[in-house]
């Protein structure tokens, strides 16, 4: 299972998304980081098990999403 964490306010307002190959991509906008992680998760989902996005909300709670970002998963 792969999980891509996307915080609300990362250090220095820079979002980093690590790829399974060991590299990472850096984004200056949270929206861009979420879009990249969703596309990557969709590509990897099934090939390496399940892939999810864990996104921190404004209330400080982390919610788990599938690559389609339609609704948080019930845990």
C-alpha atoms as a PDB file:
ATOM      1  CA  UNK A   1       0.000   0.000   0.000  1.00  0.00           C
ATOM      2  CA  UNK A   2       1.245   3.477  -0.905  1.00  0.00           C
ATOM      3  CA  UNK A   3       0.121   6.646   0.849  1.00  0.00           C
ATOM      4  CA  UNK A   4       1.021  10.148  -0.296  1.00  0.00           C
ATOM      5  CA  UNK A   5       0.799  12.658   2.588  1.00  0.00           C
ATOM      6  CA  UNK A   6      -0.232  16.214   1.772  1.00  0.00           C
ATOM      7  CA  UNK A   7      -0.107  18.570   4.769  1.00  0.00           C
ATOM      8  CA  UNK A   8      -2.079  21.789   4.978  1.00  0.00           C
ATOM      9  CA  UNK A   9       0.918  23.961   5.881  1.00  0.00           C
ATOM     10  CA  UNK A  10       4.293  22.316   5.189  1.00  0.00           C
ATOM     11  CA  UNK A  11       7.581  23.925   6.249  1.00  0.00           C
ATOM     12  CA  UNK A  12       8.524  26.841   3.994  1.00  0.00           C
ATOM     13  CA  UNK A  13       5.186  26.476   2.142  1.00  0.00           C
ATOM     14  CA  UNK A  14       6.742  23.876  -0.164  1.00  0.00           C
ATOM     15  CA  UNK A  15       5.029  20.550  -0.759  1.00  0.00           C
ATOM     16  CA  UNK A  16       7.185  17.497  -1.470  1.00  0.00           C
ATOM     17  CA  UNK A  17       5.787  14.327  -3.018  1.00  0.00           C
ATOM     18  CA  UNK A  18       8.094  11.315  -2.805  1.00  0.00           C
ATOM     19  CA  UNK A  19       7.838   8.781  -5.609  1.00  0.00           C
ATOM     20  CA  UNK A  20       8.293   5.041  -5.102  1.00  0.00           C
ATOM     21  CA  UNK A  21      11.531   5.217  -7.117  1.00  0.00           C
ATOM     22  CA  UNK A  22      13.153   7.350  -4.429  1.00  0.00           C
ATOM     23  CA  UNK A  23      12.976  10.709  -6.171  1.00  0.00           C
ATOM     24  CA  UNK A  24      10.613  13.506  -5.255  1.00  0.00           C
ATOM     25  CA  UNK A  25       8.796  16.432  -6.817  1.00  0.00           C
ATOM     26  CA  UNK A  26       8.458  19.832  -5.171  1.00  0.00           C
ATOM     27  CA  UNK A  27       5.498  22.176  -5.552  1.00  0.00           C
ATOM     28  CA  UNK A  28       4.869  25.742  -4.436  1.00  0.00           C
ATOM     29  CA  UNK A  29       1.074  25.291  -4.496  1.00  0.00           C
ATOM     30  CA  UNK A  30      -0.866  22.676  -2.550  1.00  0.00           C
ATOM     31  CA  UNK A  31      -3.305  22.216  -5.426  1.00  0.00           C
ATOM     32  CA  UNK A  32      -0.447  21.247  -7.746  1.00  0.00           C
ATOM     33  CA  UNK A  33       0.897  18.755  -5.196  1.00  0.00           C
ATOM     34  CA  UNK A  34      -2.542  17.153  -4.794  1.00  0.00           C
ATOM     35  CA  UNK A  35      -3.053  16.935  -8.564  1.00  0.00           C
ATOM     36  CA  UNK A  36       0.362  15.326  -9.085  1.00  0.00           C
ATOM     37  CA  UNK A  37      -0.126  12.863  -6.204  1.00  0.00           C
ATOM     38  CA  UNK A  38      -3.598  11.902  -7.463  1.00  0.00           C
ATOM     39  CA  UNK A  39      -2.285  11.187 -10.962  1.00  0.00           C
ATOM     40  CA  UNK A  40       0.649   9.220  -9.568  1.00  0.00           C
ATOM     41  CA  UNK A  41      -1.625   7.256  -7.210  1.00  0.00           C
ATOM     42  CA  UNK A  42      -4.010   6.459 -10.077  1.00  0.00           C
ATOM     43  CA  UNK A  43      -1.121   5.169 -12.175  1.00  0.00           C
ATOM     44  CA  UNK A  44       0.288   3.065  -9.335  1.00  0.00           C
ATOM     45  CA  UNK A  45      -3.019   1.840  -7.880  1.00  0.00           C
ATOM     46  CA  UNK A  46      -3.272  -1.880  -8.508  1.00  0.00           C
ATOM     47  CA  UNK A  47       0.289  -2.254  -9.810  1.00  0.00           C
ATOM     48  CA  UNK A  48       1.825  -1.904  -6.352  1.00  0.00           C
ATOM     49  CA  UNK A  49      -1.225  -2.644  -4.249  1.00  0.00           C
ATOM     50  CA  UNK A  50      -3.569   0.159  -3.322  1.00  0.00           C
ATOM     51  CA  UNK A  51      -2.491   3.802  -3.504  1.00  0.00           C
ATOM     52  CA  UNK A  52      -4.085   6.571  -1.437  1.00  0.00           C
ATOM     53  CA  UNK A  53      -3.732  10.245  -0.627  1.00  0.00           C
ATOM     54  CA  UNK A  54      -3.736  11.374   2.989  1.00  0.00           C
ATOM     55  CA  UNK A  55      -4.736  15.031   3.023  1.00  0.00           C
ATOM     56  CA  UNK A  56      -4.740  17.293   6.076  1.00  0.00           C
ATOM     57  CA  UNK A  57      -7.845  19.450   6.372  1.00  0.00           C
ATOM     58  CA  UNK A  58      -8.168  22.933   7.815  1.00  0.00           C
ATOM     59  CA  UNK A  59      -9.472  21.340  11.016  1.00  0.00           C
ATOM     60  CA  UNK A  60      -6.140  19.533  11.465  1.00  0.00           C
ATOM     61  CA  UNK A  61      -7.613  16.109  10.703  1.00  0.00           C
ATOM     62  CA  UNK A  62      -6.033  13.820   8.138  1.00  0.00           C
ATOM     63  CA  UNK A  63      -8.393  12.121   5.693  1.00  0.00           C
ATOM     64  CA  UNK A  64      -7.620   9.233   3.374  1.00  0.00           C
ATOM     65  CA  UNK A  65      -8.720   9.517  -0.269  1.00  0.00           C
ATOM     66  CA  UNK A  66      -8.578   7.198  -3.253  1.00  0.00           C
ATOM     67  CA  UNK A  67      -6.845   8.543  -6.390  1.00  0.00           C
ATOM     68  CA  UNK A  68     -10.150   9.903  -7.758  1.00  0.00           C
ATOM     69  CA  UNK A  69     -10.443  12.345  -4.794  1.00  0.00           C
ATOM     70  CA  UNK A  70     -14.237  12.057  -4.717  1.00  0.00           C
ATOM     71  CA  UNK A  71     -14.777  11.323  -1.030  1.00  0.00           C
ATOM     72  CA  UNK A  72     -12.729  10.450   2.037  1.00  0.00           C
ATOM     73  CA  UNK A  73     -12.568   6.777   2.915  1.00  0.00           C
ATOM     74  CA  UNK A  74     -14.355   5.646   6.029  1.00  0.00           C
ATOM     75  CA  UNK A  75     -11.835   4.204   8.490  1.00  0.00           C
END
